[in-house]
């Protein structure tokens, strides 16, 4: 059984306009229990802002988060995968590109986000399901 990106993508994620100030975005990230926000014009994803961006581009540089806009700190060049990509392929892409989050896209539309946490959780479920099936097949018939 193959797990596809579209089936495991987290459909609920935070998307904010590029003009949002970093303090407001941080509050929304906290409120939504998200370690990242997709920066979007409302339709097309433009970038991503993560906890690392806050640490390295605001805190470490002593900037005021009220005056910093997401467009100033977002990472461009989002890594995307297709909804039809298998989870193994997604994990390989994340490893090769050194990222913890990828956007799942289909027909220029965001289906969701896959994080490294999502991959680990889904792989655990998959292994448990396979183990149960194997155990059932090996059990003597009564």
C-alpha atoms as a PDB file:
ATOM      1  CA  UNK A   1       0.000   0.000   0.000  1.00  0.00           C
ATOM      2  CA  UNK A   2       1.481   3.306  -1.113  1.00  0.00           C
ATOM      3  CA  UNK A   3       0.793   6.491   0.808  1.00  0.00           C
ATOM      4  CA  UNK A   4       0.389   9.505  -1.457  1.00  0.00           C
ATOM      5  CA  UNK A   5       1.251  13.113  -0.618  1.00  0.00           C
ATOM      6  CA  UNK A   6      -2.358  14.262  -1.103  1.00  0.00           C
ATOM      7  CA  UNK A   7      -3.542  11.705   1.461  1.00  0.00           C
ATOM      8  CA  UNK A   8      -1.164  12.724   4.248  1.00  0.00           C
ATOM      9  CA  UNK A   9      -0.865  16.470   3.690  1.00  0.00           C
ATOM     10  CA  UNK A  10      -2.031  18.656   6.546  1.00  0.00           C
ATOM     11  CA  UNK A  11      -4.938  20.571   5.050  1.00  0.00           C
ATOM     12  CA  UNK A  12      -5.017  23.213   7.779  1.00  0.00           C
ATOM     13  CA  UNK A  13      -2.069  25.594   7.739  1.00  0.00           C
ATOM     14  CA  UNK A  14      -1.429  29.263   8.332  1.00  0.00           C
ATOM     15  CA  UNK A  15      -1.270  31.489   5.255  1.00  0.00           C
ATOM     16  CA  UNK A  16      -0.574  35.204   5.626  1.00  0.00           C
ATOM     17  CA  UNK A  17      -0.051  38.180   3.295  1.00  0.00           C
ATOM     18  CA  UNK A  18       3.487  39.433   2.785  1.00  0.00           C
ATOM     19  CA  UNK A  19       2.700  42.808   4.427  1.00  0.00           C
ATOM     20  CA  UNK A  20       1.846  41.196   7.792  1.00  0.00           C
ATOM     21  CA  UNK A  21       4.246  42.395  10.470  1.00  0.00           C
ATOM     22  CA  UNK A  22       6.356  39.746  12.186  1.00  0.00           C
ATOM     23  CA  UNK A  23       4.834  40.323  15.627  1.00  0.00           C
ATOM     24  CA  UNK A  24       1.270  39.747  14.401  1.00  0.00           C
ATOM     25  CA  UNK A  25       2.411  36.694  12.424  1.00  0.00           C
ATOM     26  CA  UNK A  26       4.153  35.287  15.521  1.00  0.00           C
ATOM     27  CA  UNK A  27       0.970  35.733  17.538  1.00  0.00           C
ATOM     28  CA  UNK A  28      -1.048  33.927  14.865  1.00  0.00           C
ATOM     29  CA  UNK A  29       1.548  31.150  14.634  1.00  0.00           C
ATOM     30  CA  UNK A  30       1.350  30.677  18.410  1.00  0.00           C
ATOM     31  CA  UNK A  31      -2.453  30.784  18.426  1.00  0.00           C
ATOM     32  CA  UNK A  32      -2.601  28.170  15.637  1.00  0.00           C
ATOM     33  CA  UNK A  33       0.194  26.012  17.081  1.00  0.00           C
ATOM     34  CA  UNK A  34       2.236  26.371  13.886  1.00  0.00           C
ATOM     35  CA  UNK A  35       5.986  26.730  13.588  1.00  0.00           C
ATOM     36  CA  UNK A  36       5.653  28.278  10.164  1.00  0.00           C
ATOM     37  CA  UNK A  37       3.427  30.389   7.951  1.00  0.00           C
ATOM     38  CA  UNK A  38       3.043  30.271   4.204  1.00  0.00           C
ATOM     39  CA  UNK A  39       3.332  33.757   2.715  1.00  0.00           C
ATOM     40  CA  UNK A  40       0.771  34.161  -0.034  1.00  0.00           C
ATOM     41  CA  UNK A  41      -0.987  36.762  -2.120  1.00  0.00           C
ATOM     42  CA  UNK A  42      -4.224  34.945  -1.340  1.00  0.00           C
ATOM     43  CA  UNK A  43      -3.909  32.565  -4.279  1.00  0.00           C
ATOM     44  CA  UNK A  44      -0.265  31.852  -5.051  1.00  0.00           C
ATOM     45  CA  UNK A  45       2.260  30.846  -2.371  1.00  0.00           C
ATOM     46  CA  UNK A  46       5.241  33.202  -2.454  1.00  0.00           C
ATOM     47  CA  UNK A  47       7.413  32.028   0.422  1.00  0.00           C
ATOM     48  CA  UNK A  48       7.558  30.570   3.899  1.00  0.00           C
ATOM     49  CA  UNK A  49       8.472  31.995   7.290  1.00  0.00           C
ATOM     50  CA  UNK A  50       9.674  29.626  10.001  1.00  0.00           C
ATOM     51  CA  UNK A  51      10.886  29.827  13.581  1.00  0.00           C
ATOM     52  CA  UNK A  52      14.430  29.868  12.187  1.00  0.00           C
ATOM     53  CA  UNK A  53      13.670  32.990  10.167  1.00  0.00           C
ATOM     54  CA  UNK A  54      12.520  34.726  13.358  1.00  0.00           C
ATOM     55  CA  UNK A  55      15.608  33.650  15.262  1.00  0.00           C
ATOM     56  CA  UNK A  56      18.180  34.418  12.583  1.00  0.00           C
ATOM     57  CA  UNK A  57      16.644  37.453  10.874  1.00  0.00           C
ATOM     58  CA  UNK A  58      14.905  39.295  13.718  1.00  0.00           C
ATOM     59  CA  UNK A  59      16.109  38.241  17.171  1.00  0.00           C
ATOM     60  CA  UNK A  60      19.790  37.717  16.313  1.00  0.00           C
ATOM     61  CA  UNK A  61      19.876  41.042  14.467  1.00  0.00           C
ATOM     62  CA  UNK A  62      18.046  42.952  17.218  1.00  0.00           C
ATOM     63  CA  UNK A  63      15.208  44.068  14.950  1.00  0.00           C
ATOM     64  CA  UNK A  64      11.785  45.174  16.140  1.00  0.00           C
ATOM     65  CA  UNK A  65       9.190  42.578  15.008  1.00  0.00           C
ATOM     66  CA  UNK A  66       6.568  45.315  14.718  1.00  0.00           C
ATOM     67  CA  UNK A  67       8.522  47.003  11.919  1.00  0.00           C
ATOM     68  CA  UNK A  68       9.602  43.828  10.112  1.00  0.00           C
ATOM     69  CA  UNK A  69       7.249  42.510   7.426  1.00  0.00           C
ATOM     70  CA  UNK A  70       7.027  38.868   6.401  1.00  0.00           C
ATOM     71  CA  UNK A  71       8.237  39.851   2.940  1.00  0.00           C
ATOM     72  CA  UNK A  72      11.489  40.974   4.599  1.00  0.00           C
ATOM     73  CA  UNK A  73      12.236  37.617   6.219  1.00  0.00           C
ATOM     74  CA  UNK A  74      10.444  34.998   4.117  1.00  0.00           C
ATOM     75  CA  UNK A  75      12.348  32.262   2.360  1.00  0.00           C
ATOM     76  CA  UNK A  76      11.654  32.181  -1.361  1.00  0.00           C
ATOM     77  CA  UNK A  77      11.823  29.148  -3.613  1.00  0.00           C
ATOM     78  CA  UNK A  78       9.268  26.949  -1.913  1.00  0.00           C
ATOM     79  CA  UNK A  79       9.824  23.228  -2.275  1.00  0.00           C
ATOM     80  CA  UNK A  80       6.732  21.570  -3.689  1.00  0.00           C
ATOM     81  CA  UNK A  81       5.617  18.036  -4.459  1.00  0.00           C
ATOM     82  CA  UNK A  82       2.687  16.687  -6.435  1.00  0.00           C
ATOM     83  CA  UNK A  83      -0.349  15.222  -4.736  1.00  0.00           C
ATOM     84  CA  UNK A  84       0.294  11.980  -6.603  1.00  0.00           C
ATOM     85  CA  UNK A  85       3.869  11.631  -5.291  1.00  0.00           C
ATOM     86  CA  UNK A  86       4.436   8.709  -2.948  1.00  0.00           C
ATOM     87  CA  UNK A  87       5.447   9.417   0.634  1.00  0.00           C
ATOM     88  CA  UNK A  88       8.836   7.787   0.043  1.00  0.00           C
ATOM     89  CA  UNK A  89       9.494  10.228  -2.795  1.00  0.00           C
ATOM     90  CA  UNK A  90       8.403  13.159  -0.613  1.00  0.00           C
ATOM     91  CA  UNK A  91      10.739  12.055   2.196  1.00  0.00           C
ATOM     92  CA  UNK A  92      13.603  11.739  -0.295  1.00  0.00           C
ATOM     93  CA  UNK A  93      12.936  15.236  -1.652  1.00  0.00           C
ATOM     94  CA  UNK A  94      12.887  16.685   1.869  1.00  0.00           C
ATOM     95  CA  UNK A  95      16.152  14.943   2.732  1.00  0.00           C
ATOM     96  CA  UNK A  96      17.913  15.955  -0.478  1.00  0.00           C
ATOM     97  CA  UNK A  97      16.772  19.577  -0.223  1.00  0.00           C
ATOM     98  CA  UNK A  98      17.380  19.810   3.539  1.00  0.00           C
ATOM     99  CA  UNK A  99      13.870  21.053   4.379  1.00  0.00           C
ATOM    100  CA  UNK A 100      11.343  20.115   7.044  1.00  0.00           C
ATOM    101  CA  UNK A 101       8.273  21.286   5.134  1.00  0.00           C
ATOM    102  CA  UNK A 102       6.998  20.921   1.574  1.00  0.00           C
ATOM    103  CA  UNK A 103       3.859  22.193  -0.106  1.00  0.00           C
ATOM    104  CA  UNK A 104       1.648  19.639  -1.806  1.00  0.00           C
ATOM    105  CA  UNK A 105       0.375  21.133  -5.044  1.00  0.00           C
ATOM    106  CA  UNK A 106      -2.090  20.055  -7.710  1.00  0.00           C
ATOM    107  CA  UNK A 107      -3.120  22.194 -10.675  1.00  0.00           C
ATOM    108  CA  UNK A 108      -1.396  25.260  -9.154  1.00  0.00           C
ATOM    109  CA  UNK A 109      -3.463  24.878  -5.985  1.00  0.00           C
ATOM    110  CA  UNK A 110      -2.121  24.118  -2.511  1.00  0.00           C
ATOM    111  CA  UNK A 111      -3.582  20.862  -1.219  1.00  0.00           C
ATOM    112  CA  UNK A 112      -1.692  21.082   2.044  1.00  0.00           C
ATOM    113  CA  UNK A 113       1.672  20.923   3.755  1.00  0.00           C
ATOM    114  CA  UNK A 114       3.750  17.910   4.688  1.00  0.00           C
ATOM    115  CA  UNK A 115       6.153  18.350   7.587  1.00  0.00           C
ATOM    116  CA  UNK A 116       8.842  16.010   8.868  1.00  0.00           C
ATOM    117  CA  UNK A 117       6.542  15.336  11.825  1.00  0.00           C
ATOM    118  CA  UNK A 118       3.771  14.304   9.424  1.00  0.00           C
ATOM    119  CA  UNK A 119       6.119  11.881   7.676  1.00  0.00           C
ATOM    120  CA  UNK A 120       7.203  10.256  10.939  1.00  0.00           C
ATOM    121  CA  UNK A 121       3.629   9.901  12.198  1.00  0.00           C
ATOM    122  CA  UNK A 122       2.370   8.435   8.922  1.00  0.00           C
ATOM    123  CA  UNK A 123       5.290   6.035   8.614  1.00  0.00           C
ATOM    124  CA  UNK A 124       4.622   4.759  12.135  1.00  0.00           C
ATOM    125  CA  UNK A 125       0.955   4.165  11.245  1.00  0.00           C
ATOM    126  CA  UNK A 126       2.009   2.458   7.996  1.00  0.00           C
ATOM    127  CA  UNK A 127       4.508   0.160   9.729  1.00  0.00           C
ATOM    128  CA  UNK A 128       1.934  -0.774  12.373  1.00  0.00           C
ATOM    129  CA  UNK A 129      -0.651  -1.569   9.703  1.00  0.00           C
ATOM    130  CA  UNK A 130       1.802  -3.703   7.720  1.00  0.00           C
ATOM    131  CA  UNK A 131       2.945  -5.515  10.887  1.00  0.00           C
ATOM    132  CA  UNK A 132      -0.650  -6.317  11.805  1.00  0.00           C
ATOM    133  CA  UNK A 133      -1.328  -7.661   8.324  1.00  0.00           C
ATOM    134  CA  UNK A 134       1.793  -9.839   8.388  1.00  0.00           C
ATOM    135  CA  UNK A 135       0.918 -11.154  11.831  1.00  0.00           C
ATOM    136  CA  UNK A 136      -2.594 -12.047  10.652  1.00  0.00           C
ATOM    137  CA  UNK A 137      -1.231 -13.856   7.605  1.00  0.00           C
ATOM    138  CA  UNK A 138       1.246 -15.836   9.705  1.00  0.00           C
ATOM    139  CA  UNK A 139      -1.287 -16.867  12.333  1.00  0.00           C
ATOM    140  CA  UNK A 140      -2.314 -20.549  12.084  1.00  0.00           C
ATOM    141  CA  UNK A 141      -5.895 -21.009  10.848  1.00  0.00           C
ATOM    142  CA  UNK A 142      -8.335 -22.432  13.409  1.00  0.00           C
END
